[in-house]
Amino acid sequence: MAYIQGDAPSPQGCLFCVKPQSEDAEAHIVHRGQLCYVILNRFPYNNGHLMVIPYRHVASLEDLDIETLTELMALAKLSVRVLREAYDPEGFNLGMNIGKIAGAGVAGHIHLHVVPRWGGDTNYMTTVGETRVIPEWIDRTYERLRPLFERMASDGTR
């Protein structure tokens, strides 16, 4: 509500550069890699909506080195595995909005969205009420996903 009402404090600098400096639970970081991290989206399209974000502040895909791109995709794969176990979705959307005109909310720092999908997962509230209804609180989503990331990342099958 603080965000909606405009009362939320703004971080100094880039949000995606600042988040990794916080405690994981506070920032809703569910997994940290060497070059990228996985975080819950604070304004999710669906329960379990994740983002894979490079630590390095770059605005576009072509600015990433091959090592970072490789880890970004490995963490996207791990994210899909975790979400399949946690929520049993019927499908996924994975995507990047590069640049403000393309819909990037944080245009200066590239990130990959991983969104679990189910048949009928949109509802009338989005259209009629101009709001999105997410039945699971973000802290509960964190508690559900964090142990799965720890287990699956450590089993070596990213």
N, C-alpha and C. Protein backbone atom coordinates (compact mmCIF):
# COMPACT_ATOMS: atom_id res chain seq x y z
N MET A 1 0.82 -1.20 0.00
CA MET A 1 0.00 0.00 0.00
C MET A 1 0.86 1.26 0.00
N ALA A 2 2.02 1.19 0.67
CA ALA A 2 2.88 2.38 0.69
C ALA A 2 3.28 2.76 -0.73
N TYR A 3 3.58 1.78 -1.57
CA TYR A 3 3.94 2.05 -2.96
C TYR A 3 2.76 2.67 -3.71
N ILE A 4 1.57 2.09 -3.57
CA ILE A 4 0.39 2.56 -4.28
C ILE A 4 0.04 3.99 -3.87
N GLN A 5 0.17 4.29 -2.57
CA GLN A 5 -0.16 5.62 -2.06
C GLN A 5 0.96 6.62 -2.24
N GLY A 6 2.11 6.15 -2.74
CA GLY A 6 3.22 7.06 -2.97
C GLY A 6 4.03 7.37 -1.74
N ASP A 7 3.87 6.58 -0.67
CA ASP A 7 4.59 6.83 0.58
C ASP A 7 5.85 5.98 0.72
N ALA A 8 6.12 5.10 -0.24
CA ALA A 8 7.27 4.20 -0.13
C ALA A 8 8.56 4.99 -0.30
N PRO A 9 9.55 4.73 0.56
CA PRO A 9 10.83 5.42 0.39
C PRO A 9 11.52 4.95 -0.89
N SER A 10 12.17 5.85 -1.59
CA SER A 10 12.90 5.50 -2.80
C SER A 10 14.34 5.17 -2.44
N PRO A 11 14.86 4.07 -2.97
CA PRO A 11 16.26 3.76 -2.70
C PRO A 11 17.16 4.74 -3.45
N GLN A 12 18.33 4.99 -2.89
CA GLN A 12 19.31 5.81 -3.57
C GLN A 12 19.98 4.95 -4.62
N GLY A 13 19.97 5.39 -5.86
CA GLY A 13 20.59 4.63 -6.93
C GLY A 13 19.63 3.63 -7.53
N CYS A 14 20.19 2.71 -8.30
CA CYS A 14 19.40 1.70 -9.00
C CYS A 14 18.87 0.67 -8.01
N LEU A 15 17.57 0.40 -8.08
CA LEU A 15 16.92 -0.57 -7.21
C LEU A 15 17.59 -1.93 -7.27
N PHE A 16 17.93 -2.39 -8.49
CA PHE A 16 18.51 -3.73 -8.64
C PHE A 16 19.98 -3.78 -8.24
N CYS A 17 20.62 -2.64 -8.11
CA CYS A 17 21.99 -2.58 -7.57
C CYS A 17 21.95 -2.51 -6.05
N VAL A 18 20.91 -1.88 -5.49
CA VAL A 18 20.77 -1.71 -4.05
C VAL A 18 20.29 -3.00 -3.37
N LYS A 19 19.35 -3.71 -3.99
CA LYS A 19 18.74 -4.91 -3.38
C LYS A 19 19.77 -5.92 -2.86
N PRO A 20 20.81 -6.27 -3.61
CA PRO A 20 21.75 -7.28 -3.12
C PRO A 20 22.54 -6.86 -1.88
N GLN A 21 22.49 -5.60 -1.52
CA GLN A 21 23.16 -5.12 -0.31
C GLN A 21 22.34 -5.39 0.94
N SER A 22 21.08 -5.77 0.77
CA SER A 22 20.17 -6.06 1.88
C SER A 22 20.25 -7.53 2.26
N GLU A 23 19.66 -7.86 3.40
CA GLU A 23 19.51 -9.27 3.79
C GLU A 23 18.57 -9.93 2.79
N ASP A 24 18.81 -11.21 2.52
CA ASP A 24 18.03 -11.91 1.51
C ASP A 24 16.52 -11.89 1.80
N ALA A 25 16.13 -12.20 3.02
CA ALA A 25 14.71 -12.26 3.35
C ALA A 25 14.06 -10.88 3.21
N GLU A 26 14.76 -9.83 3.63
CA GLU A 26 14.22 -8.47 3.52
C GLU A 26 14.05 -8.06 2.06
N ALA A 27 15.01 -8.43 1.22
CA ALA A 27 14.97 -8.06 -0.19
C ALA A 27 14.20 -9.07 -1.04
N HIS A 28 13.80 -10.19 -0.43
CA HIS A 28 13.12 -11.29 -1.14
C HIS A 28 14.00 -11.90 -2.23
N ILE A 29 15.32 -11.96 -1.94
CA ILE A 29 16.26 -12.65 -2.82
C ILE A 29 16.21 -14.13 -2.45
N VAL A 30 15.76 -14.95 -3.39
CA VAL A 30 15.61 -16.38 -3.10
C VAL A 30 16.85 -17.19 -3.45
N HIS A 31 17.75 -16.61 -4.26
CA HIS A 31 18.99 -17.32 -4.61
C HIS A 31 20.02 -16.31 -5.11
N ARG A 32 21.28 -16.55 -4.72
CA ARG A 32 22.39 -15.73 -5.20
C ARG A 32 23.37 -16.61 -5.97
N GLY A 33 23.68 -16.22 -7.18
CA GLY A 33 24.72 -16.85 -7.96
C GLY A 33 25.97 -15.99 -7.88
N GLN A 34 26.97 -16.33 -8.68
CA GLN A 34 28.20 -15.53 -8.69
C GLN A 34 28.03 -14.22 -9.45
N LEU A 35 27.25 -14.25 -10.53
CA LEU A 35 27.12 -13.09 -11.40
C LEU A 35 25.70 -12.52 -11.46
N CYS A 36 24.73 -13.32 -11.01
CA CYS A 36 23.32 -12.93 -11.05
C CYS A 36 22.62 -13.41 -9.78
N TYR A 37 21.46 -12.85 -9.50
CA TYR A 37 20.65 -13.30 -8.38
C TYR A 37 19.20 -13.43 -8.82
N VAL A 38 18.41 -14.17 -8.02
CA VAL A 38 17.00 -14.40 -8.31
C VAL A 38 16.19 -13.76 -7.18
N ILE A 39 15.21 -12.97 -7.56
CA ILE A 39 14.42 -12.21 -6.58
C ILE A 39 12.94 -12.32 -6.93
N LEU A 40 12.10 -12.24 -5.91
CA LEU A 40 10.66 -12.18 -6.13
C LEU A 40 10.31 -10.79 -6.66
N ASN A 41 9.39 -10.74 -7.61
CA ASN A 41 8.90 -9.47 -8.10
C ASN A 41 7.93 -8.91 -7.06
N ARG A 42 8.16 -7.69 -6.61
CA ARG A 42 7.29 -7.07 -5.60
C ARG A 42 5.91 -6.72 -6.14
N PHE A 43 5.78 -6.68 -7.45
CA PHE A 43 4.50 -6.37 -8.09
C PHE A 43 4.23 -7.49 -9.11
N PRO A 44 3.94 -8.69 -8.61
CA PRO A 44 3.89 -9.88 -9.47
C PRO A 44 2.65 -9.94 -10.36
N TYR A 45 2.84 -10.57 -11.51
CA TYR A 45 1.72 -10.90 -12.39
C TYR A 45 0.97 -12.11 -11.84
N ASN A 46 1.70 -13.03 -11.22
CA ASN A 46 1.16 -14.24 -10.62
C ASN A 46 1.99 -14.61 -9.41
N ASN A 47 1.47 -15.49 -8.57
CA ASN A 47 2.27 -16.02 -7.46
C ASN A 47 3.53 -16.68 -8.03
N GLY A 48 4.65 -16.45 -7.39
CA GLY A 48 5.90 -17.05 -7.82
C GLY A 48 6.63 -16.27 -8.89
N HIS A 49 6.14 -15.11 -9.28
CA HIS A 49 6.79 -14.30 -10.32
C HIS A 49 8.19 -13.91 -9.85
N LEU A 50 9.19 -14.41 -10.57
CA LEU A 50 10.59 -14.16 -10.23
C LEU A 50 11.26 -13.28 -11.27
N MET A 51 12.41 -12.73 -10.89
CA MET A 51 13.27 -12.04 -11.85
C MET A 51 14.70 -12.52 -11.62
N VAL A 52 15.41 -12.77 -12.71
CA VAL A 52 16.83 -13.11 -12.66
C VAL A 52 17.57 -11.85 -13.10
N ILE A 53 18.48 -11.38 -12.22
CA ILE A 53 19.08 -10.06 -12.41
C ILE A 53 20.59 -10.15 -12.29
N PRO A 54 21.34 -9.65 -13.28
CA PRO A 54 22.79 -9.58 -13.12
C PRO A 54 23.16 -8.57 -12.04
N TYR A 55 24.22 -8.84 -11.30
CA TYR A 55 24.71 -7.86 -10.34
C TYR A 55 25.23 -6.63 -11.08
N ARG A 56 25.83 -6.84 -12.24
CA ARG A 56 26.40 -5.74 -13.01
C ARG A 56 25.29 -4.87 -13.59
N HIS A 57 25.44 -3.59 -13.46
CA HIS A 57 24.45 -2.61 -13.93
C HIS A 57 24.65 -2.35 -15.42
N VAL A 58 23.83 -3.01 -16.23
CA VAL A 58 23.83 -2.76 -17.67
C VAL A 58 22.38 -2.66 -18.14
N ALA A 59 22.18 -1.89 -19.20
CA ALA A 59 20.82 -1.61 -19.66
C ALA A 59 20.31 -2.57 -20.72
N SER A 60 21.21 -3.29 -21.39
CA SER A 60 20.76 -4.10 -22.51
C SER A 60 21.50 -5.42 -22.60
N LEU A 61 20.88 -6.37 -23.23
CA LEU A 61 21.39 -7.73 -23.34
C LEU A 61 22.77 -7.77 -23.98
N GLU A 62 22.98 -6.99 -25.01
CA GLU A 62 24.28 -7.04 -25.70
C GLU A 62 25.43 -6.48 -24.87
N ASP A 63 25.12 -5.85 -23.74
CA ASP A 63 26.16 -5.33 -22.86
C ASP A 63 26.66 -6.36 -21.85
N LEU A 64 26.03 -7.54 -21.82
CA LEU A 64 26.45 -8.59 -20.87
C LEU A 64 27.51 -9.48 -21.51
N ASP A 65 28.48 -9.90 -20.69
CA ASP A 65 29.48 -10.84 -21.17
C ASP A 65 28.89 -12.25 -21.19
N ILE A 66 29.55 -13.17 -21.87
CA ILE A 66 29.03 -14.52 -22.06
C ILE A 66 28.88 -15.28 -20.74
N GLU A 67 29.76 -15.04 -19.78
CA GLU A 67 29.66 -15.71 -18.48
C GLU A 67 28.39 -15.30 -17.75
N THR A 68 28.08 -14.01 -17.79
CA THR A 68 26.87 -13.53 -17.12
C THR A 68 25.62 -14.03 -17.85
N LEU A 69 25.65 -14.01 -19.17
CA LEU A 69 24.52 -14.54 -19.94
C LEU A 69 24.29 -16.01 -19.64
N THR A 70 25.38 -16.76 -19.54
CA THR A 70 25.27 -18.20 -19.25
C THR A 70 24.65 -18.42 -17.88
N GLU A 71 25.12 -17.69 -16.86
CA GLU A 71 24.54 -17.86 -15.53
C GLU A 71 23.09 -17.37 -15.49
N LEU A 72 22.79 -16.30 -16.19
CA LEU A 72 21.42 -15.79 -16.22
C LEU A 72 20.47 -16.89 -16.73
N MET A 73 20.86 -17.57 -17.79
CA MET A 73 20.00 -18.62 -18.34
C MET A 73 19.99 -19.86 -17.44
N ALA A 74 21.11 -20.18 -16.81
CA ALA A 74 21.14 -21.31 -15.87
C ALA A 74 20.22 -21.04 -14.68
N LEU A 75 20.19 -19.80 -14.21
CA LEU A 75 19.31 -19.46 -13.09
C LEU A 75 17.85 -19.39 -13.55
N ALA A 76 17.61 -19.03 -14.79
CA ALA A 76 16.24 -19.10 -15.33
C ALA A 76 15.77 -20.54 -15.34
N LYS A 77 16.63 -21.45 -15.76
CA LYS A 77 16.30 -22.88 -15.76
C LYS A 77 16.03 -23.37 -14.35
N LEU A 78 16.90 -23.01 -13.40
CA LEU A 78 16.70 -23.38 -12.00
C LEU A 78 15.38 -22.81 -11.49
N SER A 79 15.06 -21.58 -11.85
CA SER A 79 13.82 -20.95 -11.42
C SER A 79 12.60 -21.72 -11.91
N VAL A 80 12.63 -22.16 -13.16
CA VAL A 80 11.52 -22.94 -13.71
C VAL A 80 11.38 -24.25 -12.93
N ARG A 81 12.50 -24.92 -12.63
CA ARG A 81 12.45 -26.17 -11.86
C ARG A 81 11.83 -25.96 -10.48
N VAL A 82 12.28 -24.90 -9.81
CA VAL A 82 11.76 -24.59 -8.46
C VAL A 82 10.26 -24.29 -8.52
N LEU A 83 9.86 -23.47 -9.47
CA LEU A 83 8.44 -23.10 -9.58
C LEU A 83 7.57 -24.29 -9.95
N ARG A 84 8.09 -25.19 -10.77
CA ARG A 84 7.32 -26.41 -11.10
C ARG A 84 7.04 -27.22 -9.83
N GLU A 85 8.06 -27.37 -8.98
CA GLU A 85 7.87 -28.14 -7.76
C GLU A 85 6.97 -27.41 -6.76
N ALA A 86 7.14 -26.11 -6.64
CA ALA A 86 6.40 -25.34 -5.63
C ALA A 86 4.94 -25.13 -5.99
N TYR A 87 4.64 -24.89 -7.27
CA TYR A 87 3.29 -24.47 -7.66
C TYR A 87 2.62 -25.32 -8.73
N ASP A 88 3.37 -26.19 -9.39
CA ASP A 88 2.84 -27.04 -10.45
C ASP A 88 2.12 -26.21 -11.53
N PRO A 89 2.78 -25.19 -12.09
CA PRO A 89 2.13 -24.38 -13.13
C PRO A 89 1.97 -25.18 -14.42
N GLU A 90 1.06 -24.71 -15.25
CA GLU A 90 0.80 -25.35 -16.54
C GLU A 90 1.70 -24.82 -17.64
N GLY A 91 2.35 -23.69 -17.41
CA GLY A 91 3.24 -23.08 -18.39
C GLY A 91 4.02 -21.94 -17.77
N PHE A 92 4.84 -21.28 -18.59
CA PHE A 92 5.66 -20.16 -18.12
C PHE A 92 5.76 -19.10 -19.20
N ASN A 93 5.92 -17.85 -18.75
CA ASN A 93 6.38 -16.77 -19.61
C ASN A 93 7.75 -16.37 -19.09
N LEU A 94 8.73 -16.28 -19.99
CA LEU A 94 10.04 -15.75 -19.68
C LEU A 94 10.28 -14.59 -20.62
N GLY A 95 10.72 -13.46 -20.09
CA GLY A 95 10.93 -12.33 -20.99
C GLY A 95 11.65 -11.16 -20.37
N MET A 96 12.15 -10.31 -21.27
CA MET A 96 12.85 -9.09 -20.90
C MET A 96 12.19 -7.92 -21.62
N ASN A 97 12.02 -6.83 -20.90
CA ASN A 97 11.58 -5.58 -21.50
C ASN A 97 12.81 -4.67 -21.51
N ILE A 98 13.39 -4.47 -22.67
CA ILE A 98 14.64 -3.71 -22.76
C ILE A 98 14.31 -2.29 -23.21
N GLY A 99 14.50 -1.35 -22.30
CA GLY A 99 14.20 0.05 -22.57
C GLY A 99 12.82 0.45 -22.07
N LYS A 100 12.70 1.69 -21.68
CA LYS A 100 11.44 2.21 -21.14
C LYS A 100 10.29 2.07 -22.14
N ILE A 101 10.55 2.33 -23.40
CA ILE A 101 9.50 2.27 -24.42
C ILE A 101 8.97 0.85 -24.57
N ALA A 102 9.78 -0.16 -24.20
CA ALA A 102 9.37 -1.57 -24.29
C ALA A 102 8.68 -2.04 -23.01
N GLY A 103 8.55 -1.14 -22.03
CA GLY A 103 7.84 -1.49 -20.82
C GLY A 103 8.70 -1.80 -19.62
N ALA A 104 10.00 -1.58 -19.71
CA ALA A 104 10.89 -1.86 -18.57
C ALA A 104 10.59 -0.90 -17.43
N GLY A 105 10.27 -1.46 -16.26
CA GLY A 105 10.04 -0.65 -15.07
C GLY A 105 11.34 -0.09 -14.51
N VAL A 106 12.40 -0.86 -14.63
CA VAL A 106 13.75 -0.43 -14.25
C VAL A 106 14.57 -0.52 -15.54
N ALA A 107 14.50 0.53 -16.33
CA ALA A 107 15.05 0.50 -17.69
C ALA A 107 16.57 0.45 -17.72
N GLY A 108 17.25 0.92 -16.71
CA GLY A 108 18.70 0.98 -16.73
C GLY A 108 19.40 -0.29 -16.32
N HIS A 109 18.65 -1.30 -15.85
CA HIS A 109 19.28 -2.53 -15.34
C HIS A 109 18.49 -3.72 -15.89
N ILE A 110 19.11 -4.46 -16.78
CA ILE A 110 18.42 -5.58 -17.44
C ILE A 110 18.03 -6.66 -16.44
N HIS A 111 16.91 -7.31 -16.69
CA HIS A 111 16.44 -8.41 -15.84
C HIS A 111 15.50 -9.29 -16.64
N LEU A 112 15.45 -10.56 -16.27
CA LEU A 112 14.63 -11.55 -16.95
C LEU A 112 13.48 -11.96 -16.04
N HIS A 113 12.26 -11.80 -16.51
CA HIS A 113 11.08 -12.21 -15.76
C HIS A 113 10.82 -13.70 -16.00
N VAL A 114 10.48 -14.40 -14.93
CA VAL A 114 10.06 -15.81 -15.00
C VAL A 114 8.69 -15.86 -14.32
N VAL A 115 7.64 -16.07 -15.12
CA VAL A 115 6.28 -15.99 -14.62
C VAL A 115 5.57 -17.33 -14.81
N PRO A 116 5.19 -18.00 -13.70
CA PRO A 116 4.40 -19.23 -13.84
C PRO A 116 2.99 -18.89 -14.29
N ARG A 117 2.40 -19.80 -15.11
CA ARG A 117 1.08 -19.53 -15.65
C ARG A 117 0.17 -20.75 -15.49
N TRP A 118 -1.12 -20.48 -15.33
CA TRP A 118 -2.16 -21.49 -15.22
C TRP A 118 -3.31 -21.07 -16.12
N GLY A 119 -4.06 -22.04 -16.63
CA GLY A 119 -5.26 -21.71 -17.39
C GLY A 119 -6.20 -20.91 -16.51
N GLY A 120 -6.69 -19.79 -17.03
CA GLY A 120 -7.62 -18.96 -16.26
C GLY A 120 -6.97 -18.15 -15.15
N ASP A 121 -5.65 -17.92 -15.24
CA ASP A 121 -4.99 -17.19 -14.14
C ASP A 121 -5.22 -15.68 -14.19
N THR A 122 -5.90 -15.19 -15.19
CA THR A 122 -6.31 -13.78 -15.17
C THR A 122 -7.77 -13.74 -14.73
N ASN A 123 -8.16 -12.66 -14.12
CA ASN A 123 -9.53 -12.59 -13.63
C ASN A 123 -10.12 -11.21 -13.89
N TYR A 124 -11.37 -11.07 -13.58
CA TYR A 124 -12.09 -9.83 -13.86
C TYR A 124 -11.56 -8.63 -13.09
N MET A 125 -10.90 -8.86 -11.95
CA MET A 125 -10.41 -7.74 -11.14
C MET A 125 -9.43 -6.87 -11.91
N THR A 126 -8.60 -7.47 -12.76
CA THR A 126 -7.63 -6.70 -13.54
C THR A 126 -8.34 -5.72 -14.46
N THR A 127 -9.41 -6.16 -15.08
CA THR A 127 -10.13 -5.32 -16.04
C THR A 127 -11.10 -4.37 -15.34
N VAL A 128 -11.94 -4.90 -14.48
CA VAL A 128 -13.00 -4.10 -13.85
C VAL A 128 -12.46 -3.22 -12.73
N GLY A 129 -11.67 -3.82 -11.86
CA GLY A 129 -11.20 -3.10 -10.68
C GLY A 129 -9.86 -2.41 -10.86
N GLU A 130 -9.24 -2.58 -12.05
CA GLU A 130 -7.92 -2.01 -12.32
C GLU A 130 -6.92 -2.35 -11.23
N THR A 131 -7.00 -3.59 -10.74
CA THR A 131 -6.07 -4.06 -9.73
C THR A 131 -5.81 -5.53 -9.96
N ARG A 132 -4.72 -6.02 -9.45
CA ARG A 132 -4.35 -7.42 -9.61
C ARG A 132 -4.51 -8.11 -8.26
N VAL A 133 -5.13 -9.28 -8.27
CA VAL A 133 -5.33 -10.04 -7.04
C VAL A 133 -4.35 -11.21 -7.02
N ILE A 134 -3.49 -11.23 -6.02
CA ILE A 134 -2.52 -12.31 -5.84
C ILE A 134 -2.84 -12.95 -4.50
N PRO A 135 -3.25 -14.23 -4.48
CA PRO A 135 -3.72 -14.83 -3.24
C PRO A 135 -2.66 -15.19 -2.21
N GLU A 136 -1.38 -15.13 -2.58
CA GLU A 136 -0.34 -15.50 -1.62
C GLU A 136 0.53 -14.29 -1.30
N TRP A 137 0.74 -14.02 -0.02
CA TRP A 137 1.56 -12.91 0.43
C TRP A 137 2.99 -13.15 0.02
N ILE A 138 3.73 -12.11 -0.36
CA ILE A 138 5.09 -12.24 -0.88
C ILE A 138 6.04 -12.92 0.13
N ASP A 139 5.87 -12.67 1.41
CA ASP A 139 6.73 -13.32 2.41
C ASP A 139 6.48 -14.82 2.44
N ARG A 140 5.25 -15.25 2.25
CA ARG A 140 4.94 -16.68 2.19
C ARG A 140 5.55 -17.31 0.94
N THR A 141 5.51 -16.60 -0.17
CA THR A 141 6.14 -17.08 -1.40
C THR A 141 7.64 -17.25 -1.18
N TYR A 142 8.27 -16.28 -0.52
CA TYR A 142 9.70 -16.37 -0.20
C TYR A 142 9.98 -17.62 0.63
N GLU A 143 9.19 -17.83 1.68
CA GLU A 143 9.37 -18.99 2.56
C GLU A 143 9.18 -20.31 1.81
N ARG A 144 8.34 -20.32 0.81
CA ARG A 144 8.09 -21.52 0.03
C ARG A 144 9.25 -21.80 -0.95
N LEU A 145 9.76 -20.74 -1.60
CA LEU A 145 10.73 -20.92 -2.67
C LEU A 145 12.18 -20.99 -2.21
N ARG A 146 12.54 -20.25 -1.18
CA ARG A 146 13.94 -20.19 -0.76
C ARG A 146 14.54 -21.57 -0.48
N PRO A 147 13.89 -22.45 0.30
CA PRO A 147 14.47 -23.77 0.56
C PRO A 147 14.59 -24.63 -0.71
N LEU A 148 13.67 -24.45 -1.64
CA LEU A 148 13.75 -25.21 -2.89
C LEU A 148 14.95 -24.76 -3.71
N PHE A 149 15.21 -23.46 -3.77
CA PHE A 149 16.40 -22.97 -4.46
C PHE A 149 17.66 -23.53 -3.80
N GLU A 150 17.71 -23.51 -2.47
CA GLU A 150 18.89 -24.03 -1.78
C GLU A 150 19.11 -25.49 -2.11
N ARG A 151 18.05 -26.29 -2.07
CA ARG A 151 18.18 -27.72 -2.34
C ARG A 151 18.55 -27.98 -3.80
N MET A 152 17.83 -27.38 -4.72
CA MET A 152 18.05 -27.68 -6.13
C MET A 152 19.35 -27.10 -6.65
N ALA A 153 19.77 -25.96 -6.14
CA ALA A 153 21.04 -25.37 -6.57
C ALA A 153 22.21 -26.21 -6.08
N SER A 154 22.06 -26.83 -4.92
CA SER A 154 23.17 -27.61 -4.35
C SER A 154 23.24 -29.01 -4.93
N ASP A 155 22.19 -29.48 -5.62
CA ASP A 155 22.23 -30.84 -6.16
C ASP A 155 22.99 -30.91 -7.49
N GLY A 156 23.45 -29.75 -7.97
CA GLY A 156 24.31 -29.72 -9.15
C GLY A 156 23.59 -29.90 -10.47
N THR A 157 22.27 -29.82 -10.49
CA THR A 157 21.54 -30.03 -11.74
C THR A 157 20.87 -28.78 -12.24
N ARG A 158 21.37 -27.64 -11.87
CA ARG A 158 20.77 -26.37 -12.30
C ARG A 158 20.11 -26.55 -13.62
